[in-house]
N, C-alpha and C. Protein backbone atom coordinates (compact mmCIF):
# COMPACT_ATOMS: atom_id res chain seq x y z
N MET A 1 -18.81 2.80 -16.26
CA MET A 1 -18.61 3.88 -17.19
C MET A 1 -19.48 5.04 -16.78
N LYS A 2 -19.00 6.26 -16.75
CA LYS A 2 -19.71 7.40 -16.41
C LYS A 2 -20.16 8.15 -17.68
N ILE A 3 -21.54 8.45 -17.69
CA ILE A 3 -22.12 9.00 -18.85
C ILE A 3 -22.67 10.43 -18.53
N ALA A 4 -22.40 11.41 -19.32
CA ALA A 4 -23.00 12.68 -19.17
C ALA A 4 -24.02 12.82 -20.34
N CYS A 5 -25.12 13.36 -20.12
CA CYS A 5 -26.18 13.57 -21.13
C CYS A 5 -26.47 15.07 -21.16
N LEU A 6 -26.02 15.70 -22.23
CA LEU A 6 -26.23 17.18 -22.38
C LEU A 6 -27.48 17.27 -23.26
N GLY A 7 -28.57 17.66 -22.58
CA GLY A 7 -29.84 17.67 -23.16
C GLY A 7 -30.60 16.42 -22.72
N SER A 8 -31.69 16.63 -22.02
CA SER A 8 -32.33 15.44 -21.41
C SER A 8 -33.86 15.36 -21.85
N GLY A 9 -34.04 15.65 -23.13
CA GLY A 9 -35.40 15.60 -23.71
C GLY A 9 -35.90 14.13 -23.79
N LYS A 10 -36.91 13.90 -24.56
CA LYS A 10 -37.50 12.58 -24.77
C LYS A 10 -36.44 11.53 -25.30
N MET A 11 -35.73 11.90 -26.34
CA MET A 11 -34.84 10.90 -26.86
C MET A 11 -33.61 10.67 -25.86
N GLY A 12 -33.04 11.69 -25.31
CA GLY A 12 -31.98 11.50 -24.38
C GLY A 12 -32.36 10.62 -23.24
N THR A 13 -33.55 10.92 -22.69
CA THR A 13 -34.07 10.21 -21.56
C THR A 13 -34.38 8.77 -21.91
N ALA A 14 -34.88 8.58 -23.05
CA ALA A 14 -35.22 7.18 -23.57
C ALA A 14 -33.89 6.36 -23.69
N LEU A 15 -32.92 7.00 -24.14
CA LEU A 15 -31.56 6.28 -24.36
C LEU A 15 -30.99 5.94 -22.94
N LEU A 16 -31.06 6.92 -22.01
CA LEU A 16 -30.54 6.60 -20.68
C LEU A 16 -31.36 5.54 -19.97
N LYS A 17 -32.62 5.58 -20.02
CA LYS A 17 -33.50 4.52 -19.49
C LYS A 17 -33.08 3.19 -20.04
N GLY A 18 -32.86 3.15 -21.37
CA GLY A 18 -32.41 1.89 -21.92
C GLY A 18 -31.06 1.36 -21.41
N PHE A 19 -30.14 2.28 -21.29
CA PHE A 19 -28.83 1.93 -20.71
C PHE A 19 -28.97 1.32 -19.31
N VAL A 20 -29.81 1.91 -18.46
CA VAL A 20 -30.02 1.39 -17.11
C VAL A 20 -30.72 0.03 -17.20
N ALA A 21 -31.77 -0.02 -17.95
CA ALA A 21 -32.60 -1.24 -18.06
C ALA A 21 -31.70 -2.46 -18.57
N GLN A 22 -30.80 -2.13 -19.46
CA GLN A 22 -29.94 -3.20 -20.02
C GLN A 22 -28.76 -3.48 -19.13
N GLY A 23 -28.58 -2.76 -18.03
CA GLY A 23 -27.41 -2.96 -17.13
C GLY A 23 -26.14 -2.44 -17.64
N LEU A 24 -26.20 -1.48 -18.63
CA LEU A 24 -24.92 -0.84 -19.12
C LEU A 24 -24.34 0.07 -18.14
N CYS A 25 -25.19 0.68 -17.31
CA CYS A 25 -24.61 1.54 -16.30
C CYS A 25 -25.76 1.66 -15.20
N ALA A 26 -25.27 2.14 -14.05
CA ALA A 26 -26.21 2.40 -12.92
C ALA A 26 -26.64 3.84 -12.98
N PRO A 27 -27.82 4.14 -12.46
CA PRO A 27 -28.31 5.53 -12.46
C PRO A 27 -27.28 6.52 -11.93
N HIS A 28 -26.57 6.12 -10.84
CA HIS A 28 -25.62 7.13 -10.19
C HIS A 28 -24.42 7.34 -11.05
N ASP A 29 -24.28 6.59 -12.12
CA ASP A 29 -23.22 6.86 -13.16
C ASP A 29 -23.59 7.77 -14.24
N ILE A 30 -24.79 8.29 -14.12
CA ILE A 30 -25.29 9.17 -15.20
C ILE A 30 -25.50 10.57 -14.64
N THR A 31 -24.96 11.55 -15.37
CA THR A 31 -25.15 12.97 -15.01
C THR A 31 -25.87 13.71 -16.15
N ILE A 32 -26.83 14.48 -15.84
CA ILE A 32 -27.55 15.22 -16.94
C ILE A 32 -27.34 16.64 -16.71
N SER A 33 -27.49 17.43 -17.83
CA SER A 33 -27.53 18.82 -17.84
C SER A 33 -28.51 19.27 -18.94
N ASP A 34 -29.35 20.19 -18.58
CA ASP A 34 -30.36 20.64 -19.59
C ASP A 34 -30.73 22.12 -19.21
N SER A 35 -30.88 22.95 -20.24
CA SER A 35 -31.33 24.31 -19.93
C SER A 35 -32.84 24.43 -19.70
N SER A 36 -33.58 23.34 -19.98
CA SER A 36 -35.03 23.29 -19.87
C SER A 36 -35.34 22.68 -18.50
N PRO A 37 -35.94 23.51 -17.52
CA PRO A 37 -36.23 22.92 -16.22
C PRO A 37 -37.30 21.75 -16.34
N ALA A 38 -38.19 21.90 -17.31
CA ALA A 38 -39.20 20.83 -17.48
C ALA A 38 -38.53 19.53 -17.98
N ALA A 39 -37.70 19.59 -18.95
CA ALA A 39 -36.95 18.41 -19.42
C ALA A 39 -36.14 17.76 -18.39
N ARG A 40 -35.45 18.65 -17.68
CA ARG A 40 -34.51 18.12 -16.51
C ARG A 40 -35.37 17.42 -15.53
N ALA A 41 -36.47 17.98 -15.10
CA ALA A 41 -37.33 17.46 -14.10
C ALA A 41 -37.89 16.10 -14.63
N ALA A 42 -38.28 16.02 -15.79
CA ALA A 42 -38.83 14.76 -16.42
C ALA A 42 -37.77 13.67 -16.39
N ALA A 43 -36.57 13.99 -16.75
CA ALA A 43 -35.48 13.01 -16.78
C ALA A 43 -35.19 12.50 -15.34
N LEU A 44 -35.07 13.46 -14.42
CA LEU A 44 -34.81 13.06 -13.01
C LEU A 44 -35.85 12.12 -12.51
N ALA A 45 -37.12 12.42 -12.86
CA ALA A 45 -38.26 11.61 -12.42
C ALA A 45 -38.28 10.23 -13.03
N ALA A 46 -37.81 10.23 -14.38
CA ALA A 46 -37.93 8.93 -15.10
C ALA A 46 -36.87 7.92 -14.72
N ILE A 47 -35.71 8.49 -14.25
CA ILE A 47 -34.60 7.60 -13.85
C ILE A 47 -34.12 7.97 -12.46
N PRO A 48 -34.80 7.43 -11.48
CA PRO A 48 -34.37 7.78 -10.06
C PRO A 48 -32.91 7.37 -9.85
N GLY A 49 -32.22 8.37 -9.25
CA GLY A 49 -30.85 8.17 -8.88
C GLY A 49 -29.82 8.81 -9.79
N ILE A 50 -30.27 9.33 -10.93
CA ILE A 50 -29.32 10.06 -11.82
C ILE A 50 -28.96 11.30 -11.14
N LEU A 51 -27.87 11.84 -11.59
CA LEU A 51 -27.34 13.09 -10.97
C LEU A 51 -27.58 14.28 -11.89
N GLU A 52 -27.71 15.46 -11.29
CA GLU A 52 -27.86 16.72 -12.08
C GLU A 52 -26.66 17.60 -11.97
N ALA A 53 -26.12 18.05 -13.05
CA ALA A 53 -24.95 18.90 -13.00
C ALA A 53 -25.52 20.43 -13.16
N PRO A 54 -24.69 21.27 -12.58
CA PRO A 54 -25.13 22.77 -12.76
C PRO A 54 -25.04 23.26 -14.19
N ASP A 55 -24.19 22.62 -15.05
CA ASP A 55 -24.11 23.13 -16.42
C ASP A 55 -23.42 22.04 -17.23
N ASN A 56 -23.36 22.24 -18.55
CA ASN A 56 -22.84 21.23 -19.53
C ASN A 56 -21.36 20.98 -19.22
N LEU A 57 -20.56 21.93 -18.86
CA LEU A 57 -19.12 21.72 -18.64
C LEU A 57 -18.96 20.85 -17.39
N ALA A 58 -19.63 20.99 -16.33
CA ALA A 58 -19.51 20.20 -15.13
C ALA A 58 -19.95 18.73 -15.45
N ALA A 59 -20.97 18.57 -16.21
CA ALA A 59 -21.44 17.32 -16.60
C ALA A 59 -20.39 16.57 -17.42
N ALA A 60 -19.87 17.27 -18.40
CA ALA A 60 -18.88 16.65 -19.30
C ALA A 60 -17.61 16.26 -18.58
N LEU A 61 -17.16 17.09 -17.62
CA LEU A 61 -15.97 16.78 -16.91
C LEU A 61 -16.02 15.58 -16.02
N SER A 62 -17.28 15.23 -15.62
CA SER A 62 -17.52 14.16 -14.71
C SER A 62 -17.69 12.80 -15.50
N ALA A 63 -17.58 12.83 -16.75
CA ALA A 63 -17.98 11.58 -17.56
C ALA A 63 -16.81 11.02 -18.33
N ASP A 64 -17.01 9.76 -18.72
CA ASP A 64 -16.17 9.09 -19.73
C ASP A 64 -16.75 9.30 -21.18
N VAL A 65 -18.00 9.28 -21.24
CA VAL A 65 -18.74 9.40 -22.47
C VAL A 65 -19.75 10.55 -22.32
N VAL A 66 -19.86 11.38 -23.39
CA VAL A 66 -20.78 12.54 -23.39
C VAL A 66 -21.80 12.36 -24.46
N LEU A 67 -23.05 12.20 -24.15
CA LEU A 67 -24.13 12.15 -25.13
C LEU A 67 -24.61 13.54 -25.38
N LEU A 68 -24.66 13.89 -26.68
CA LEU A 68 -25.08 15.21 -27.08
C LEU A 68 -26.48 15.09 -27.59
N CYS A 69 -27.45 15.42 -26.76
CA CYS A 69 -28.89 15.23 -27.09
C CYS A 69 -29.62 16.58 -27.22
N VAL A 70 -29.04 17.48 -27.91
CA VAL A 70 -29.71 18.83 -28.10
C VAL A 70 -30.24 18.90 -29.55
N LYS A 71 -30.98 19.89 -29.80
CA LYS A 71 -31.50 20.13 -31.20
C LYS A 71 -30.33 20.38 -32.16
N PRO A 72 -30.56 20.08 -33.42
CA PRO A 72 -29.45 20.24 -34.42
C PRO A 72 -28.75 21.62 -34.46
N ALA A 73 -29.55 22.66 -34.29
CA ALA A 73 -28.95 23.98 -34.36
C ALA A 73 -28.07 24.26 -33.16
N GLY A 74 -28.18 23.52 -32.10
CA GLY A 74 -27.30 23.74 -30.97
C GLY A 74 -26.08 22.89 -30.85
N ILE A 75 -25.95 21.87 -31.76
CA ILE A 75 -24.89 20.95 -31.60
C ILE A 75 -23.50 21.41 -31.75
N VAL A 76 -23.22 22.28 -32.78
CA VAL A 76 -21.86 22.80 -33.04
C VAL A 76 -21.46 23.73 -31.93
N PRO A 77 -22.32 24.71 -31.48
CA PRO A 77 -21.90 25.57 -30.31
C PRO A 77 -21.66 24.76 -29.07
N LEU A 78 -22.57 23.72 -28.89
CA LEU A 78 -22.31 22.80 -27.67
C LEU A 78 -20.92 22.18 -27.70
N ILE A 79 -20.67 21.53 -28.86
CA ILE A 79 -19.30 20.90 -28.99
C ILE A 79 -18.22 21.86 -28.83
N GLN A 80 -18.30 23.11 -29.35
CA GLN A 80 -17.28 24.14 -29.18
C GLN A 80 -17.12 24.51 -27.69
N SER A 81 -18.20 24.45 -27.02
CA SER A 81 -18.08 24.88 -25.56
C SER A 81 -17.35 23.85 -24.69
N LEU A 82 -17.06 22.68 -25.34
CA LEU A 82 -16.38 21.64 -24.55
C LEU A 82 -14.90 21.58 -24.82
N HIS A 83 -14.32 22.54 -25.48
CA HIS A 83 -12.86 22.52 -25.85
C HIS A 83 -11.97 22.48 -24.64
N GLN A 84 -12.34 23.01 -23.51
CA GLN A 84 -11.51 22.95 -22.30
C GLN A 84 -11.64 21.64 -21.53
N VAL A 85 -12.50 20.76 -21.96
CA VAL A 85 -12.66 19.42 -21.39
C VAL A 85 -11.61 18.55 -21.97
N PRO A 86 -10.87 17.73 -21.07
CA PRO A 86 -9.96 16.77 -21.62
C PRO A 86 -10.64 15.84 -22.72
N PRO A 87 -9.87 15.24 -23.58
CA PRO A 87 -10.48 14.33 -24.64
C PRO A 87 -11.46 13.33 -24.10
N LYS A 88 -12.65 13.35 -24.72
CA LYS A 88 -13.76 12.46 -24.35
C LYS A 88 -14.32 11.84 -25.64
N LEU A 89 -15.12 10.90 -25.45
CA LEU A 89 -16.01 10.34 -26.58
C LEU A 89 -17.29 11.12 -26.61
N LEU A 90 -17.55 11.85 -27.67
CA LEU A 90 -18.82 12.56 -27.81
C LEU A 90 -19.66 11.84 -28.73
N ILE A 91 -20.85 11.54 -28.37
CA ILE A 91 -21.88 10.79 -29.13
C ILE A 91 -23.08 11.71 -29.36
N SER A 92 -23.26 12.03 -30.71
CA SER A 92 -24.36 12.94 -31.05
C SER A 92 -25.53 12.20 -31.70
N ILE A 93 -26.77 12.64 -31.31
CA ILE A 93 -27.90 12.13 -31.97
C ILE A 93 -28.55 13.17 -32.84
N ALA A 94 -27.88 14.28 -33.08
CA ALA A 94 -28.51 15.36 -33.82
C ALA A 94 -28.59 15.00 -35.31
N ALA A 95 -29.77 15.14 -35.84
CA ALA A 95 -30.01 14.93 -37.25
C ALA A 95 -29.56 16.11 -38.06
N GLY A 96 -29.19 15.89 -39.26
CA GLY A 96 -28.89 17.11 -40.14
C GLY A 96 -27.55 17.77 -39.96
N ILE A 97 -26.81 17.31 -39.05
CA ILE A 97 -25.48 17.79 -38.87
C ILE A 97 -24.45 16.81 -39.21
N THR A 98 -23.59 17.12 -40.15
CA THR A 98 -22.67 16.10 -40.69
C THR A 98 -21.57 15.77 -39.71
N LEU A 99 -21.04 14.57 -39.86
CA LEU A 99 -19.95 14.21 -38.94
C LEU A 99 -18.72 15.09 -39.16
N ASN A 100 -18.49 15.52 -40.32
CA ASN A 100 -17.36 16.48 -40.67
C ASN A 100 -17.53 17.78 -39.91
N ALA A 101 -18.78 18.31 -39.89
CA ALA A 101 -19.07 19.53 -39.11
C ALA A 101 -18.75 19.38 -37.63
N MET A 102 -19.18 18.24 -37.13
CA MET A 102 -19.06 18.01 -35.63
C MET A 102 -17.52 17.77 -35.38
N GLU A 103 -16.83 17.08 -36.21
CA GLU A 103 -15.43 16.88 -35.97
C GLU A 103 -14.64 18.19 -36.08
N ALA A 104 -14.97 19.02 -37.01
CA ALA A 104 -14.36 20.37 -37.09
C ALA A 104 -14.55 21.17 -35.80
N ALA A 105 -15.67 21.02 -35.18
CA ALA A 105 -15.95 21.73 -33.93
C ALA A 105 -15.34 21.06 -32.73
N ALA A 106 -15.03 19.75 -32.82
CA ALA A 106 -14.65 18.99 -31.67
C ALA A 106 -13.15 19.08 -31.23
N ALA A 107 -12.30 19.64 -32.09
CA ALA A 107 -10.82 19.69 -31.75
C ALA A 107 -10.35 18.30 -31.37
N HIS A 108 -10.05 18.02 -30.10
CA HIS A 108 -9.36 16.83 -29.64
C HIS A 108 -10.29 15.71 -29.21
N HIS A 109 -11.54 15.93 -29.30
CA HIS A 109 -12.61 14.87 -28.94
C HIS A 109 -12.81 13.88 -30.00
N ARG A 110 -13.13 12.67 -29.55
CA ARG A 110 -13.59 11.65 -30.51
C ARG A 110 -15.00 11.76 -30.70
N VAL A 111 -15.53 11.63 -31.95
CA VAL A 111 -16.99 11.82 -32.21
C VAL A 111 -17.56 10.63 -32.90
N ILE A 112 -18.74 10.28 -32.45
CA ILE A 112 -19.56 9.28 -33.16
C ILE A 112 -20.89 9.90 -33.38
N ARG A 113 -21.43 9.77 -34.56
CA ARG A 113 -22.74 10.23 -34.95
C ARG A 113 -23.69 9.05 -34.94
N VAL A 114 -24.77 9.12 -34.18
CA VAL A 114 -25.71 8.03 -34.05
C VAL A 114 -27.08 8.56 -34.50
N MET A 115 -27.80 7.74 -35.21
CA MET A 115 -29.14 8.09 -35.63
C MET A 115 -30.13 7.12 -35.09
N PRO A 116 -30.60 7.34 -33.78
CA PRO A 116 -31.62 6.48 -33.26
C PRO A 116 -33.00 6.74 -33.96
N ASN A 117 -33.91 5.82 -33.82
CA ASN A 117 -35.27 6.09 -34.42
C ASN A 117 -36.21 6.11 -33.26
N THR A 118 -37.45 6.65 -33.54
CA THR A 118 -38.39 6.84 -32.45
C THR A 118 -38.85 5.59 -31.65
N PRO A 119 -38.79 4.36 -32.24
CA PRO A 119 -39.13 3.26 -31.38
C PRO A 119 -38.19 3.11 -30.17
N ALA A 120 -37.10 3.82 -30.18
CA ALA A 120 -36.14 3.80 -28.97
C ALA A 120 -36.95 4.34 -27.79
N LEU A 121 -37.91 5.10 -27.99
CA LEU A 121 -38.67 5.68 -26.90
C LEU A 121 -39.36 4.65 -26.13
N ILE A 122 -39.58 3.47 -26.73
CA ILE A 122 -40.25 2.33 -26.03
C ILE A 122 -39.34 1.11 -25.95
N GLY A 123 -38.05 1.40 -26.11
CA GLY A 123 -37.12 0.28 -25.99
C GLY A 123 -37.06 -0.67 -27.14
N LYS A 124 -37.56 -0.27 -28.25
CA LYS A 124 -37.66 -1.22 -29.46
C LYS A 124 -36.91 -0.57 -30.69
N GLY A 125 -36.01 0.26 -30.46
CA GLY A 125 -35.39 1.06 -31.57
C GLY A 125 -34.15 0.32 -32.16
N ALA A 126 -33.72 0.86 -33.29
CA ALA A 126 -32.52 0.45 -33.87
C ALA A 126 -31.73 1.80 -34.22
N SER A 127 -30.48 1.67 -34.19
CA SER A 127 -29.63 2.85 -34.45
C SER A 127 -28.56 2.55 -35.43
N ALA A 128 -28.30 3.49 -36.37
CA ALA A 128 -27.15 3.45 -37.19
C ALA A 128 -26.10 4.40 -36.68
N PHE A 129 -24.87 4.07 -36.76
CA PHE A 129 -23.79 5.04 -36.28
C PHE A 129 -22.69 5.10 -37.28
N SER A 130 -22.02 6.30 -37.19
CA SER A 130 -20.84 6.54 -38.00
C SER A 130 -19.78 7.11 -37.09
N PRO A 131 -18.58 6.40 -36.99
CA PRO A 131 -17.48 6.97 -36.19
C PRO A 131 -16.71 7.92 -36.89
N GLY A 132 -16.19 8.93 -36.20
CA GLY A 132 -15.33 9.90 -36.68
C GLY A 132 -13.98 9.41 -36.88
N ARG A 133 -13.10 10.20 -37.43
CA ARG A 133 -11.68 9.72 -37.71
C ARG A 133 -10.88 9.46 -36.45
N LEU A 134 -11.21 10.03 -35.27
CA LEU A 134 -10.45 9.85 -34.04
C LEU A 134 -11.00 8.65 -33.19
N ALA A 135 -12.27 8.24 -33.56
CA ALA A 135 -12.93 7.19 -32.76
C ALA A 135 -12.19 5.83 -32.97
N SER A 136 -12.06 5.16 -31.92
CA SER A 136 -11.33 3.94 -31.96
C SER A 136 -12.29 2.76 -32.11
N PRO A 137 -11.77 1.55 -32.42
CA PRO A 137 -12.74 0.40 -32.50
C PRO A 137 -13.42 0.12 -31.22
N ASP A 138 -12.70 0.37 -30.07
CA ASP A 138 -13.37 0.18 -28.73
C ASP A 138 -14.50 1.17 -28.51
N ASP A 139 -14.36 2.43 -29.09
CA ASP A 139 -15.45 3.37 -28.94
C ASP A 139 -16.74 2.88 -29.68
N CYS A 140 -16.54 2.02 -30.64
CA CYS A 140 -17.68 1.58 -31.48
C CYS A 140 -18.34 0.29 -31.03
N SER A 141 -17.75 -0.21 -29.89
CA SER A 141 -18.36 -1.52 -29.41
C SER A 141 -19.24 -1.33 -28.22
């Protein structure tokens, strides 16, 4: 499975490290995009072998699943910027943005809202999730 992570701050990086540590994907199956050079550099250093995309669109096009790991204020514009991408599974970790708001912005994409907690930063977290109306049972497993 190819994963794109749009936003590679602490939580996005922690999730990706967990995926690799659990054997859910290999580092070369992960592509990141981040407007922050510092966050991008930290993610690349934390997970050797991950790929860096020139922008969010390129990252999303390369993936099966797109993790949306940006601040809440940026989530709807980010989703809207992906309209030209073929249908994908978008997984958001943004707090304070409703699933309805994300689905309204998502057009043809499937959306799942996930609320990880800070112990995820050390591999000890728990997450609650809520699938959108287009998300399939397979998307939730």
